[in-house]
Amino acid sequence: MIFINPQWQGSGFTDDLKLGAETFISYFKDSDTKIIPLSTKGLTTIANIKCFEPILVQTKLFKEIIINSKLDKISTIGGDCGIEIF
């Protein structure tokens, strides 16, 4: 199973990250792929964290999907240090 978590709110490279996620999706189109939907929460800064609400919403959703998938192993490609929270 492949997860695409296109959390790019707050990034200075928004278009590049979105294009990268779309390219990845098209390359692995025959795989079991789950795309984590982008949050529609406002992109405001809270506690000095840019786009805090969308990041929080997507993190909770991704965590629920992972738990419900009952996977033995998870490997990651790309991303930032935020992946460590799982």
PDB file of N, CA and C in Angstrom:
ATOM      1  N   MET A   1       0.839  -1.175   0.000  1.00  0.00           N
ATOM      2  CA  MET A   1       0.000   0.000   0.000  1.00  0.00           C
ATOM      3  C   MET A   1       0.887   1.242   0.000  1.00  0.00           C
ATOM      4  N   ILE A   2       0.501   2.215  -0.791  1.00  0.00           N
ATOM      5  CA  ILE A   2       1.253   3.467  -0.878  1.00  0.00           C
ATOM      6  C   ILE A   2       0.361   4.597  -0.374  1.00  0.00           C
ATOM      7  N   PHE A   3       0.917   5.417   0.509  1.00  0.00           N
ATOM      8  CA  PHE A   3       0.212   6.591   1.016  1.00  0.00           C
ATOM      9  C   PHE A   3       0.829   7.835   0.400  1.00  0.00           C
ATOM     10  N   ILE A   4      -0.002   8.726  -0.074  1.00  0.00           N
ATOM     11  CA  ILE A   4       0.444  10.027  -0.553  1.00  0.00           C
ATOM     12  C   ILE A   4      -0.129  11.047   0.427  1.00  0.00           C
ATOM     13  N   ASN A   5       0.744  11.709   1.156  1.00  0.00           N
ATOM     14  CA  ASN A   5       0.314  12.714   2.124  1.00  0.00           C
ATOM     15  C   ASN A   5       0.827  14.072   1.654  1.00  0.00           C
ATOM     16  N   PRO A   6       0.077  14.707   0.747  1.00  0.00           N
ATOM     17  CA  PRO A   6       0.557  15.935   0.105  1.00  0.00           C
ATOM     18  C   PRO A   6       0.377  17.176   0.967  1.00  0.00           C
ATOM     19  N   GLN A   7       1.009  17.198   2.115  1.00  0.00           N
ATOM     20  CA  GLN A   7       0.880  18.332   3.025  1.00  0.00           C
ATOM     21  C   GLN A   7       1.924  19.371   2.645  1.00  0.00           C
ATOM     22  N   TRP A   8       1.515  20.337   1.855  1.00  0.00           N
ATOM     23  CA  TRP A   8       2.482  21.351   1.433  1.00  0.00           C
ATOM     24  C   TRP A   8       2.069  22.753   1.844  1.00  0.00           C
ATOM     25  N   GLN A   9       1.001  22.881   2.619  1.00  0.00           N
ATOM     26  CA  GLN A   9       0.645  24.207   3.093  1.00  0.00           C
ATOM     27  C   GLN A   9       1.790  24.748   3.943  1.00  0.00           C
ATOM     28  N   GLY A  10       2.135  25.958   3.725  1.00  0.00           N
ATOM     29  CA  GLY A  10       3.201  26.563   4.508  1.00  0.00           C
ATOM     30  C   GLY A  10       4.569  26.440   3.871  1.00  0.00           C
ATOM     31  N   SER A  11       4.683  25.632   2.843  1.00  0.00           N
ATOM     32  CA  SER A  11       5.976  25.472   2.180  1.00  0.00           C
ATOM     33  C   SER A  11       6.186  26.617   1.193  1.00  0.00           C
ATOM     34  N   GLY A  12       7.416  27.009   1.025  1.00  0.00           N
ATOM     35  CA  GLY A  12       7.743  28.019   0.029  1.00  0.00           C
ATOM     36  C   GLY A  12       7.760  27.454  -1.381  1.00  0.00           C
ATOM     37  N   PHE A  13       7.673  26.128  -1.506  1.00  0.00           N
ATOM     38  CA  PHE A  13       7.749  25.454  -2.804  1.00  0.00           C
ATOM     39  C   PHE A  13       6.441  24.728  -3.114  1.00  0.00           C
ATOM     40  N   THR A  14       5.319  25.389  -2.857  1.00  0.00           N
ATOM     41  CA  THR A  14       4.002  24.773  -2.974  1.00  0.00           C
ATOM     42  C   THR A  14       3.788  24.066  -4.302  1.00  0.00           C
ATOM     43  N   ASP A  15       4.024  24.744  -5.412  1.00  0.00           N
ATOM     44  CA  ASP A  15       3.770  24.152  -6.725  1.00  0.00           C
ATOM     45  C   ASP A  15       4.682  22.963  -6.995  1.00  0.00           C
ATOM     46  N   ASP A  16       5.949  23.055  -6.599  1.00  0.00           N
ATOM     47  CA  ASP A  16       6.895  21.958  -6.819  1.00  0.00           C
ATOM     48  C   ASP A  16       6.488  20.712  -6.044  1.00  0.00           C
ATOM     49  N   LEU A  17       6.065  20.888  -4.801  1.00  0.00           N
ATOM     50  CA  LEU A  17       5.673  19.744  -3.983  1.00  0.00           C
ATOM     51  C   LEU A  17       4.395  19.102  -4.506  1.00  0.00           C
ATOM     52  N   LYS A  18       3.450  19.923  -4.946  1.00  0.00           N
ATOM     53  CA  LYS A  18       2.208  19.392  -5.516  1.00  0.00           C
ATOM     54  C   LYS A  18       2.507  18.619  -6.792  1.00  0.00           C
ATOM     55  N   LEU A  19       3.344  19.167  -7.652  1.00  0.00           N
ATOM     56  CA  LEU A  19       3.725  18.492  -8.891  1.00  0.00           C
ATOM     57  C   LEU A  19       4.435  17.170  -8.591  1.00  0.00           C
ATOM     58  N   GLY A  20       5.301  17.169  -7.590  1.00  0.00           N
ATOM     59  CA  GLY A  20       5.996  15.938  -7.206  1.00  0.00           C
ATOM     60  C   GLY A  20       5.025  14.862  -6.754  1.00  0.00           C
ATOM     61  N   ALA A  21       4.034  15.237  -5.951  1.00  0.00           N
ATOM     62  CA  ALA A  21       3.020  14.276  -5.489  1.00  0.00           C
ATOM     63  C   ALA A  21       2.213  13.748  -6.669  1.00  0.00           C
ATOM     64  N   GLU A  22       1.835  14.623  -7.594  1.00  0.00           N
ATOM     65  CA  GLU A  22       1.072  14.197  -8.771  1.00  0.00           C
ATOM     66  C   GLU A  22       1.889  13.262  -9.656  1.00  0.00           C
ATOM     67  N   THR A  23       3.175  13.537  -9.807  1.00  0.00           N
ATOM     68  CA  THR A  23       4.057  12.670 -10.591  1.00  0.00           C
ATOM     69  C   THR A  23       4.167  11.299  -9.943  1.00  0.00           C
ATOM     70  N   PHE A  24       4.345  11.277  -8.643  1.00  0.00           N
ATOM     71  CA  PHE A  24       4.439  10.025  -7.890  1.00  0.00           C
ATOM     72  C   PHE A  24       3.161   9.204  -8.075  1.00  0.00           C
ATOM     73  N   ILE A  25       2.008   9.856  -7.977  1.00  0.00           N
ATOM     74  CA  ILE A  25       0.721   9.173  -8.143  1.00  0.00           C
ATOM     75  C   ILE A  25       0.613   8.566  -9.537  1.00  0.00           C
ATOM     76  N   SER A  26       0.985   9.315 -10.570  1.00  0.00           N
ATOM     77  CA  SER A  26       0.871   8.798 -11.936  1.00  0.00           C
ATOM     78  C   SER A  26       1.837   7.641 -12.183  1.00  0.00           C
ATOM     79  N   TYR A  27       3.007   7.677 -11.566  1.00  0.00           N
ATOM     80  CA  TYR A  27       3.996   6.605 -11.734  1.00  0.00           C
ATOM     81  C   TYR A  27       3.518   5.306 -11.088  1.00  0.00           C
ATOM     82  N   PHE A  28       2.881   5.401  -9.931  1.00  0.00           N
ATOM     83  CA  PHE A  28       2.422   4.220  -9.201  1.00  0.00           C
ATOM     84  C   PHE A  28       0.911   4.015  -9.343  1.00  0.00           C
ATOM     85  N   LYS A  29       0.354   4.371 -10.495  1.00  0.00           N
ATOM     86  CA  LYS A  29      -1.099   4.340 -10.685  1.00  0.00           C
ATOM     87  C   LYS A  29      -1.711   2.947 -10.566  1.00  0.00           C
ATOM     88  N   ASP A  30      -0.931   1.894 -10.752  1.00  0.00           N
ATOM     89  CA  ASP A  30      -1.455   0.534 -10.653  1.00  0.00           C
ATOM     90  C   ASP A  30      -1.309  -0.053  -9.254  1.00  0.00           C
ATOM     91  N   SER A  31      -0.795   0.710  -8.315  1.00  0.00           N
ATOM     92  CA  SER A  31      -0.594   0.239  -6.945  1.00  0.00           C
ATOM     93  C   SER A  31      -1.802   0.584  -6.080  1.00  0.00           C
ATOM     94  N   ASP A  32      -1.894  -0.086  -4.939  1.00  0.00           N
ATOM     95  CA  ASP A  32      -2.920   0.244  -3.951  1.00  0.00           C
ATOM     96  C   ASP A  32      -2.478   1.540  -3.278  1.00  0.00           C
ATOM     97  N   THR A  33      -3.062   2.649  -3.698  1.00  0.00           N
ATOM     98  CA  THR A  33      -2.636   3.969  -3.235  1.00  0.00           C
ATOM     99  C   THR A  33      -3.765   4.674  -2.495  1.00  0.00           C
ATOM    100  N   LYS A  34      -3.438   5.242  -1.356  1.00  0.00           N
ATOM    101  CA  LYS A  34      -4.387   6.061  -0.600  1.00  0.00           C
ATOM    102  C   LYS A  34      -3.827   7.478  -0.545  1.00  0.00           C
ATOM    103  N   ILE A  35      -4.645   8.433  -0.937  1.00  0.00           N
ATOM    104  CA  ILE A  35      -4.233   9.832  -0.906  1.00  0.00           C
ATOM    105  C   ILE A  35      -4.904  10.492   0.295  1.00  0.00           C
ATOM    106  N   ILE A  36      -4.095  11.087   1.152  1.00  0.00           N
ATOM    107  CA  ILE A  36      -4.618  11.790   2.311  1.00  0.00           C
ATOM    108  C   ILE A  36      -5.132  13.139   1.815  1.00  0.00           C
ATOM    109  N   PRO A  37      -6.434  13.420   1.975  1.00  0.00           N
ATOM    110  CA  PRO A  37      -6.960  14.682   1.448  1.00  0.00           C
ATOM    111  C   PRO A  37      -6.395  15.899   2.173  1.00  0.00           C
ATOM    112  N   LEU A  38      -6.196  16.954   1.412  1.00  0.00           N
ATOM    113  CA  LEU A  38      -5.729  18.209   1.994  1.00  0.00           C
ATOM    114  C   LEU A  38      -6.816  18.813   2.870  1.00  0.00           C
ATOM    115  N   SER A  39      -6.414  19.393   3.953  1.00  0.00           N
ATOM    116  CA  SER A  39      -7.342  20.068   4.856  1.00  0.00           C
ATOM    117  C   SER A  39      -7.807  21.378   4.230  1.00  0.00           C
ATOM    118  N   THR A  40      -9.017  21.771   4.570  1.00  0.00           N
ATOM    119  CA  THR A  40      -9.537  23.055   4.094  1.00  0.00           C
ATOM    120  C   THR A  40      -9.469  24.118   5.190  1.00  0.00           C
ATOM    121  N   LYS A  41      -8.812  23.793   6.300  1.00  0.00           N
ATOM    122  CA  LYS A  41      -8.656  24.752   7.398  1.00  0.00           C
ATOM    123  C   LYS A  41      -7.811  25.932   6.931  1.00  0.00           C
ATOM    124  N   GLY A  42      -7.959  27.060   7.604  1.00  0.00           N
ATOM    125  CA  GLY A  42      -7.206  28.263   7.262  1.00  0.00           C
ATOM    126  C   GLY A  42      -5.707  28.077   7.433  1.00  0.00           C
ATOM    127  N   LEU A  43      -4.949  28.817   6.663  1.00  0.00           N
ATOM    128  CA  LEU A  43      -3.488  28.701   6.675  1.00  0.00           C
ATOM    129  C   LEU A  43      -2.856  29.706   7.632  1.00  0.00           C
ATOM    130  N   THR A  44      -3.441  29.868   8.787  1.00  0.00           N
ATOM    131  CA  THR A  44      -2.938  30.834   9.759  1.00  0.00           C
ATOM    132  C   THR A  44      -1.803  30.247  10.594  1.00  0.00           C
ATOM    133  N   THR A  45      -1.017  31.141  11.163  1.00  0.00           N
ATOM    134  CA  THR A  45       0.091  30.746  12.031  1.00  0.00           C
ATOM    135  C   THR A  45      -0.401  30.723  13.470  1.00  0.00           C
ATOM    136  N   ILE A  46      -0.173  29.607  14.152  1.00  0.00           N
ATOM    137  CA  ILE A  46      -0.547  29.450  15.558  1.00  0.00           C
ATOM    138  C   ILE A  46       0.686  28.943  16.298  1.00  0.00           C
ATOM    139  N   ALA A  47       1.023  29.592  17.404  1.00  0.00           N
ATOM    140  CA  ALA A  47       2.187  29.209  18.217  1.00  0.00           C
ATOM    141  C   ALA A  47       3.456  29.143  17.359  1.00  0.00           C
ATOM    142  N   ASN A  48       3.590  30.108  16.443  1.00  0.00           N
ATOM    143  CA  ASN A  48       4.735  30.196  15.530  1.00  0.00           C
ATOM    144  C   ASN A  48       4.839  29.024  14.561  1.00  0.00           C
ATOM    145  N   ILE A  49       3.742  28.287  14.371  1.00  0.00           N
ATOM    146  CA  ILE A  49       3.726  27.186  13.402  1.00  0.00           C
ATOM    147  C   ILE A  49       2.848  27.615  12.236  1.00  0.00           C
ATOM    148  N   LYS A  50       3.474  27.755  11.070  1.00  0.00           N
ATOM    149  CA  LYS A  50       2.777  28.180   9.868  1.00  0.00           C
ATOM    150  C   LYS A  50       1.809  27.075   9.432  1.00  0.00           C
ATOM    151  N   CYS A  51       0.562  27.427   9.182  1.00  0.00           N
ATOM    152  CA  CYS A  51      -0.467  26.485   8.719  1.00  0.00           C
ATOM    153  C   CYS A  51      -0.731  25.368   9.721  1.00  0.00           C
ATOM    154  N   PHE A  52      -0.792  25.725  10.981  1.00  0.00           N
ATOM    155  CA  PHE A  52      -0.939  24.758  12.071  1.00  0.00           C
ATOM    156  C   PHE A  52      -2.171  23.865  11.916  1.00  0.00           C
ATOM    157  N   GLU A  53      -3.334  24.466  11.687  1.00  0.00           N
ATOM    158  CA  GLU A  53      -4.583  23.691  11.620  1.00  0.00           C
ATOM    159  C   GLU A  53      -4.576  22.632  10.513  1.00  0.00           C
ATOM    160  N   PRO A  54      -4.202  22.961   9.266  1.00  0.00           N
ATOM    161  CA  PRO A  54      -4.177  21.928   8.235  1.00  0.00           C
ATOM    162  C   PRO A  54      -3.208  20.788   8.567  1.00  0.00           C
ATOM    163  N   ILE A  55      -2.067  21.136   9.120  1.00  0.00           N
ATOM    164  CA  ILE A  55      -1.092  20.103   9.479  1.00  0.00           C
ATOM    165  C   ILE A  55      -1.684  19.181  10.540  1.00  0.00           C
ATOM    166  N   LEU A  56      -2.340  19.745  11.533  1.00  0.00           N
ATOM    167  CA  LEU A  56      -2.944  18.955  12.605  1.00  0.00           C
ATOM    168  C   LEU A  56      -4.050  18.043  12.069  1.00  0.00           C
ATOM    169  N   VAL A  57      -4.928  18.582  11.237  1.00  0.00           N
ATOM    170  CA  VAL A  57      -6.032  17.803  10.670  1.00  0.00           C
ATOM    171  C   VAL A  57      -5.500  16.644   9.836  1.00  0.00           C
ATOM    172  N   GLN A  58      -4.554  16.917   8.944  1.00  0.00           N
ATOM    173  CA  GLN A  58      -4.019  15.870   8.082  1.00  0.00           C
ATOM    174  C   GLN A  58      -3.230  14.830   8.869  1.00  0.00           C
ATOM    175  N   THR A  59      -2.534  15.249   9.898  1.00  0.00           N
ATOM    176  CA  THR A  59      -1.790  14.309  10.732  1.00  0.00           C
ATOM    177  C   THR A  59      -2.744  13.343  11.424  1.00  0.00           C
ATOM    178  N   LYS A  60      -3.826  13.860  11.980  1.00  0.00           N
ATOM    179  CA  LYS A  60      -4.811  12.999  12.652  1.00  0.00           C
ATOM    180  C   LYS A  60      -5.445  12.023  11.667  1.00  0.00           C
ATOM    181  N   LEU A  61      -5.809  12.506  10.484  1.00  0.00           N
ATOM    182  CA  LEU A  61      -6.424  11.649   9.476  1.00  0.00           C
ATOM    183  C   LEU A  61      -5.458  10.553   9.025  1.00  0.00           C
ATOM    184  N   PHE A  62      -4.219  10.925   8.763  1.00  0.00           N
ATOM    185  CA  PHE A  62      -3.212   9.960   8.326  1.00  0.00           C
ATOM    186  C   PHE A  62      -2.982   8.901   9.402  1.00  0.00           C
ATOM    187  N   LYS A  63      -2.914   9.327  10.642  1.00  0.00           N
ATOM    188  CA  LYS A  63      -2.712   8.390  11.748  1.00  0.00           C
ATOM    189  C   LYS A  63      -3.867   7.388  11.827  1.00  0.00           C
ATOM    190  N   GLU A  64      -5.096   7.862  11.671  1.00  0.00           N
ATOM    191  CA  GLU A  64      -6.257   6.968  11.689  1.00  0.00           C
ATOM    192  C   GLU A  64      -6.191   5.950  10.557  1.00  0.00           C
ATOM    193  N   ILE A  65      -5.824   6.399   9.368  1.00  0.00           N
ATOM    194  CA  ILE A  65      -5.732   5.497   8.215  1.00  0.00           C
ATOM    195  C   ILE A  65      -4.659   4.441   8.448  1.00  0.00           C
ATOM    196  N   ILE A  66      -3.512   4.846   8.973  1.00  0.00           N
ATOM    197  CA  ILE A  66      -2.434   3.892   9.244  1.00  0.00           C
ATOM    198  C   ILE A  66      -2.879   2.857  10.277  1.00  0.00           C
ATOM    199  N   ILE A  67      -3.499   3.307  11.349  1.00  0.00           N
ATOM    200  CA  ILE A  67      -3.960   2.380  12.394  1.00  0.00           C
ATOM    201  C   ILE A  67      -4.974   1.391  11.825  1.00  0.00           C
ATOM    202  N   ASN A  68      -5.917   1.875  11.041  1.00  0.00           N
ATOM    203  CA  ASN A  68      -6.949   1.008  10.470  1.00  0.00           C
ATOM    204  C   ASN A  68      -6.413   0.071   9.392  1.00  0.00           C
ATOM    205  N   SER A  69      -5.274   0.387   8.805  1.00  0.00           N
ATOM    206  CA  SER A  69      -4.684  -0.452   7.758  1.00  0.00           C
ATOM    207  C   SER A  69      -3.955  -1.664   8.327  1.00  0.00           C
ATOM    208  N   LYS A  70      -3.603  -1.621   9.603  1.00  0.00           N
ATOM    209  CA  LYS A  70      -2.926  -2.730  10.292  1.00  0.00           C
ATOM    210  C   LYS A  70      -1.703  -3.230   9.512  1.00  0.00           C
ATOM    211  N   LEU A  71      -0.828  -2.321   9.186  1.00  0.00           N
ATOM    212  CA  LEU A  71       0.378  -2.655   8.431  1.00  0.00           C
ATOM    213  C   LEU A  71       1.471  -3.174   9.359  1.00  0.00           C
ATOM    214  N   ASP A  72       2.297  -4.086   8.843  1.00  0.00           N
ATOM    215  CA  ASP A  72       3.431  -4.597   9.614  1.00  0.00           C
ATOM    216  C   ASP A  72       4.623  -3.657   9.545  1.00  0.00           C
ATOM    217  N   LYS A  73       4.732  -2.911   8.449  1.00  0.00           N
ATOM    218  CA  LYS A  73       5.921  -2.090   8.213  1.00  0.00           C
ATOM    219  C   LYS A  73       5.525  -0.866   7.395  1.00  0.00           C
ATOM    220  N   ILE A  74       6.194   0.247   7.668  1.00  0.00           N
ATOM    221  CA  ILE A  74       5.988   1.463   6.884  1.00  0.00           C
ATOM    222  C   ILE A  74       7.354   2.006   6.486  1.00  0.00           C
ATOM    223  N   SER A  75       7.528   2.269   5.196  1.00  0.00           N
ATOM    224  CA  SER A  75       8.747   2.904   4.692  1.00  0.00           C
ATOM    225  C   SER A  75       8.339   4.245   4.101  1.00  0.00           C
ATOM    226  N   THR A  76       9.225   5.211   4.160  1.00  0.00           N
ATOM    227  CA  THR A  76       8.894   6.531   3.633  1.00  0.00           C
ATOM    228  C   THR A  76       9.861   6.947   2.532  1.00  0.00           C
ATOM    229  N   ILE A  77       9.336   7.754   1.621  1.00  0.00           N
ATOM    230  CA  ILE A  77      10.142   8.381   0.578  1.00  0.00           C
ATOM    231  C   ILE A  77       9.871   9.867   0.682  1.00  0.00           C
ATOM    232  N   GLY A  78      10.919  10.644   0.834  1.00  0.00           N
ATOM    233  CA  GLY A  78      10.746  12.088   0.902  1.00  0.00           C
ATOM    234  C   GLY A  78      10.111  12.520   2.206  1.00  0.00           C
ATOM    235  N   GLY A  79       9.579  13.705   2.193  1.00  0.00           N
ATOM    236  CA  GLY A  79       8.957  14.238   3.395  1.00  0.00           C
ATOM    237  C   GLY A  79       9.954  15.013   4.232  1.00  0.00           C
ATOM    238  N   ASP A  80       9.462  15.485   5.351  1.00  0.00           N
ATOM    239  CA  ASP A  80      10.325  16.250   6.242  1.00  0.00           C
ATOM    240  C   ASP A  80      10.364  15.565   7.599  1.00  0.00           C
ATOM    241  N   CYS A  81      10.883  16.234   8.581  1.00  0.00           N
ATOM    242  CA  CYS A  81      11.004  15.629   9.906  1.00  0.00           C
ATOM    243  C   CYS A  81       9.646  15.333  10.531  1.00  0.00           C
ATOM    244  N   GLY A  82       8.568  15.889   9.988  1.00  0.00           N
ATOM    245  CA  GLY A  82       7.234  15.632  10.503  1.00  0.00           C
ATOM    246  C   GLY A  82       6.823  14.173  10.421  1.00  0.00           C
ATOM    247  N   ILE A  83       7.423  13.403   9.536  1.00  0.00           N
ATOM    248  CA  ILE A  83       7.075  11.990   9.404  1.00  0.00           C
ATOM    249  C   ILE A  83       7.387  11.224  10.682  1.00  0.00           C
ATOM    250  N   GLU A  84       8.293  11.740  11.479  1.00  0.00           N
ATOM    251  CA  GLU A  84       8.692  11.061  12.710  1.00  0.00           C
ATOM    252  C   GLU A  84       7.590  11.019  13.752  1.00  0.00           C
ATOM    253  N   ILE A  85       6.557  11.819  13.623  1.00  0.00           N
ATOM    254  CA  ILE A  85       5.513  11.844  14.640  1.00  0.00           C
ATOM    255  C   ILE A  85       4.663  10.591  14.638  1.00  0.00           C
ATOM    256  N   PHE A  86       4.746   9.806  13.608  1.00  0.00           N
ATOM    257  CA  PHE A  86       3.944   8.590  13.533  1.00  0.00           C
ATOM    258  C   PHE A  86       4.680   7.461  14.199  1.00  0.00           C
TER     259      PHE A  86
END
